[in-house]
């Protein structure tokens, strides 16, 4: 399975964006809900369907359907793992001693290795 949108971490790892996003969520301004709805519909649901198709699961859903909630939740976990790196850096002010892009690639690769391996 090809990893698309490799520049995602560059978009997410922006000091101002992370702090505005977190602050907005804490103050219930609605920004986070709108953004996460877009992430779910444009990224997470298609990725979950693609994973299902790649695994050859019986009862594969048609493209217009969404994957089951548990499969979607796996991708929220992946999203959270990547975003938590930005939280540590920009909210908790922890220095990162990693190559962020390489770490994101490794995190995504490990996710898919596990997800695809679990089906075998």
C-alpha atoms as a PDB file:
ATOM      1  CA  UNK A   1       0.000   0.000   0.000  1.00  0.00           C
ATOM      2  CA  UNK A   2       1.480   3.320  -1.027  1.00  0.00           C
ATOM      3  CA  UNK A   3       1.637   6.062   1.558  1.00  0.00           C
ATOM      4  CA  UNK A   4       0.090   9.189   0.106  1.00  0.00           C
ATOM      5  CA  UNK A   5       0.373  12.799   1.234  1.00  0.00           C
ATOM      6  CA  UNK A   6       3.895  12.462   2.585  1.00  0.00           C
ATOM      7  CA  UNK A   7       3.864  16.235   3.147  1.00  0.00           C
ATOM      8  CA  UNK A   8       1.155  15.881   5.806  1.00  0.00           C
ATOM      9  CA  UNK A   9       3.632  16.285   8.645  1.00  0.00           C
ATOM     10  CA  UNK A  10       4.943  19.506   7.104  1.00  0.00           C
ATOM     11  CA  UNK A  11       1.418  20.908   7.092  1.00  0.00           C
ATOM     12  CA  UNK A  12       0.639  19.746  10.615  1.00  0.00           C
ATOM     13  CA  UNK A  13       3.973  20.691  12.179  1.00  0.00           C
ATOM     14  CA  UNK A  14       3.415  24.415  12.240  1.00  0.00           C
ATOM     15  CA  UNK A  15       3.701  26.212  15.592  1.00  0.00           C
ATOM     16  CA  UNK A  16       0.811  28.619  15.060  1.00  0.00           C
ATOM     17  CA  UNK A  17      -1.523  26.025  13.533  1.00  0.00           C
ATOM     18  CA  UNK A  18      -1.001  23.501  16.347  1.00  0.00           C
ATOM     19  CA  UNK A  19      -1.524  26.070  19.092  1.00  0.00           C
ATOM     20  CA  UNK A  20      -4.615  27.586  17.442  1.00  0.00           C
ATOM     21  CA  UNK A  21      -6.065  24.117  16.832  1.00  0.00           C
ATOM     22  CA  UNK A  22      -5.536  22.965  20.426  1.00  0.00           C
ATOM     23  CA  UNK A  23      -6.760  26.245  21.891  1.00  0.00           C
ATOM     24  CA  UNK A  24      -9.833  26.185  19.663  1.00  0.00           C
ATOM     25  CA  UNK A  25     -10.645  22.674  20.809  1.00  0.00           C
ATOM     26  CA  UNK A  26     -10.369  23.645  24.458  1.00  0.00           C
ATOM     27  CA  UNK A  27     -12.613  26.673  23.944  1.00  0.00           C
ATOM     28  CA  UNK A  28     -15.156  24.837  21.741  1.00  0.00           C
ATOM     29  CA  UNK A  29     -14.957  27.304  18.852  1.00  0.00           C
ATOM     30  CA  UNK A  30     -15.901  24.657  16.279  1.00  0.00           C
ATOM     31  CA  UNK A  31     -12.683  24.814  14.284  1.00  0.00           C
ATOM     32  CA  UNK A  32     -11.545  21.414  15.497  1.00  0.00           C
ATOM     33  CA  UNK A  33     -14.850  19.731  14.663  1.00  0.00           C
ATOM     34  CA  UNK A  34     -14.852  21.111  11.120  1.00  0.00           C
ATOM     35  CA  UNK A  35     -11.211  20.174  10.555  1.00  0.00           C
ATOM     36  CA  UNK A  36     -11.595  16.677  11.980  1.00  0.00           C
ATOM     37  CA  UNK A  37     -14.727  16.101   9.871  1.00  0.00           C
ATOM     38  CA  UNK A  38     -12.607  16.899   6.799  1.00  0.00           C
ATOM     39  CA  UNK A  39      -9.795  14.618   7.987  1.00  0.00           C
ATOM     40  CA  UNK A  40     -12.291  11.815   8.584  1.00  0.00           C
ATOM     41  CA  UNK A  41     -14.081  12.099   5.235  1.00  0.00           C
ATOM     42  CA  UNK A  42     -11.097  12.927   3.015  1.00  0.00           C
ATOM     43  CA  UNK A  43      -8.313  10.905   4.646  1.00  0.00           C
ATOM     44  CA  UNK A  44      -9.362   8.418   7.305  1.00  0.00           C
ATOM     45  CA  UNK A  45     -12.419   6.806   5.700  1.00  0.00           C
ATOM     46  CA  UNK A  46     -10.731   6.364   2.285  1.00  0.00           C
ATOM     47  CA  UNK A  47      -7.584   5.010   3.970  1.00  0.00           C
ATOM     48  CA  UNK A  48      -9.634   2.540   6.019  1.00  0.00           C
ATOM     49  CA  UNK A  49     -11.415   1.378   2.868  1.00  0.00           C
ATOM     50  CA  UNK A  50      -8.105   1.033   1.032  1.00  0.00           C
ATOM     51  CA  UNK A  51      -6.679  -1.005   3.898  1.00  0.00           C
ATOM     52  CA  UNK A  52      -9.756  -3.237   3.820  1.00  0.00           C
ATOM     53  CA  UNK A  53      -9.338  -3.694   0.053  1.00  0.00           C
ATOM     54  CA  UNK A  54      -5.603  -4.402   0.420  1.00  0.00           C
ATOM     55  CA  UNK A  55      -6.245  -7.026   3.060  1.00  0.00           C
ATOM     56  CA  UNK A  56      -8.813  -8.708   0.861  1.00  0.00           C
ATOM     57  CA  UNK A  57     -11.316  -8.822   3.712  1.00  0.00           C
ATOM     58  CA  UNK A  58     -14.477 -10.723   2.948  1.00  0.00           C
ATOM     59  CA  UNK A  59     -17.463  -8.493   2.506  1.00  0.00           C
ATOM     60  CA  UNK A  60     -15.428  -5.571   1.200  1.00  0.00           C
ATOM     61  CA  UNK A  61     -17.526  -2.473   1.292  1.00  0.00           C
ATOM     62  CA  UNK A  62     -18.387  -0.632  -1.915  1.00  0.00           C
ATOM     63  CA  UNK A  63     -16.417   2.596  -2.474  1.00  0.00           C
ATOM     64  CA  UNK A  64     -19.376   4.764  -1.453  1.00  0.00           C
ATOM     65  CA  UNK A  65     -19.637   3.078   1.940  1.00  0.00           C
ATOM     66  CA  UNK A  66     -17.543   3.746   4.992  1.00  0.00           C
ATOM     67  CA  UNK A  67     -15.419   1.187   6.768  1.00  0.00           C
ATOM     68  CA  UNK A  68     -16.637  -0.111  10.128  1.00  0.00           C
ATOM     69  CA  UNK A  69     -16.003   2.078  13.173  1.00  0.00           C
ATOM     70  CA  UNK A  70     -13.247  -0.164  14.553  1.00  0.00           C
ATOM     71  CA  UNK A  71     -11.251   0.092  11.322  1.00  0.00           C
ATOM     72  CA  UNK A  72     -11.730   3.851  11.227  1.00  0.00           C
ATOM     73  CA  UNK A  73     -10.566   4.033  14.843  1.00  0.00           C
ATOM     74  CA  UNK A  74      -7.268   2.399  13.844  1.00  0.00           C
ATOM     75  CA  UNK A  75      -6.591   5.363  11.581  1.00  0.00           C
ATOM     76  CA  UNK A  76      -7.579   7.869  14.258  1.00  0.00           C
ATOM     77  CA  UNK A  77      -4.911   6.187  16.372  1.00  0.00           C
ATOM     78  CA  UNK A  78      -2.358   6.642  13.603  1.00  0.00           C
ATOM     79  CA  UNK A  79      -3.393  10.273  13.184  1.00  0.00           C
ATOM     80  CA  UNK A  80      -3.083  10.778  16.932  1.00  0.00           C
ATOM     81  CA  UNK A  81       0.371   9.217  17.068  1.00  0.00           C
ATOM     82  CA  UNK A  82       1.644  11.640  14.445  1.00  0.00           C
ATOM     83  CA  UNK A  83      -0.135  14.675  15.869  1.00  0.00           C
ATOM     84  CA  UNK A  84       1.124  13.941  19.380  1.00  0.00           C
ATOM     85  CA  UNK A  85       4.662  14.626  18.163  1.00  0.00           C
ATOM     86  CA  UNK A  86       3.516  18.162  17.272  1.00  0.00           C
ATOM     87  CA  UNK A  87       1.710  18.484  20.621  1.00  0.00           C
ATOM     88  CA  UNK A  88       4.885  17.578  22.495  1.00  0.00           C
ATOM     89  CA  UNK A  89       6.876  20.109  20.505  1.00  0.00           C
ATOM     90  CA  UNK A  90       4.481  23.056  20.323  1.00  0.00           C
ATOM     91  CA  UNK A  91       2.219  22.675  23.355  1.00  0.00           C
ATOM     92  CA  UNK A  92       4.497  21.010  25.908  1.00  0.00           C
ATOM     93  CA  UNK A  93       7.608  22.769  24.520  1.00  0.00           C
ATOM     94  CA  UNK A  94       9.624  19.556  24.561  1.00  0.00           C
ATOM     95  CA  UNK A  95      12.649  19.526  22.282  1.00  0.00           C
ATOM     96  CA  UNK A  96      12.447  16.847  19.616  1.00  0.00           C
ATOM     97  CA  UNK A  97      15.660  14.985  18.982  1.00  0.00           C
ATOM     98  CA  UNK A  98      14.294  13.208  15.935  1.00  0.00           C
ATOM     99  CA  UNK A  99      13.928  13.738  12.220  1.00  0.00           C
ATOM    100  CA  UNK A 100      10.182  14.401  12.231  1.00  0.00           C
ATOM    101  CA  UNK A 101       9.557  13.434   8.601  1.00  0.00           C
ATOM    102  CA  UNK A 102      11.513  10.177   8.986  1.00  0.00           C
ATOM    103  CA  UNK A 103       9.692   9.399  12.234  1.00  0.00           C
ATOM    104  CA  UNK A 104       6.312  10.005  10.616  1.00  0.00           C
ATOM    105  CA  UNK A 105       7.265   7.741   7.687  1.00  0.00           C
ATOM    106  CA  UNK A 106       8.405   5.018  10.108  1.00  0.00           C
ATOM    107  CA  UNK A 107       5.224   5.354  12.177  1.00  0.00           C
ATOM    108  CA  UNK A 108       3.032   5.011   9.095  1.00  0.00           C
ATOM    109  CA  UNK A 109       5.096   2.100   7.743  1.00  0.00           C
ATOM    110  CA  UNK A 110       4.889   0.286  11.082  1.00  0.00           C
ATOM    111  CA  UNK A 111       1.158   0.888  11.218  1.00  0.00           C
ATOM    112  CA  UNK A 112       0.579  -0.672   7.804  1.00  0.00           C
ATOM    113  CA  UNK A 113       2.976  -3.526   8.445  1.00  0.00           C
ATOM    114  CA  UNK A 114       0.991  -4.430  11.541  1.00  0.00           C
ATOM    115  CA  UNK A 115      -2.410  -3.838   9.971  1.00  0.00           C
ATOM    116  CA  UNK A 116      -1.615  -5.878   6.879  1.00  0.00           C
ATOM    117  CA  UNK A 117       0.199  -8.569   8.882  1.00  0.00           C
ATOM    118  CA  UNK A 118      -2.784  -9.015  11.197  1.00  0.00           C
ATOM    119  CA  UNK A 119      -4.890 -10.094   8.235  1.00  0.00           C
ATOM    120  CA  UNK A 120      -2.542 -12.928   7.295  1.00  0.00           C
END
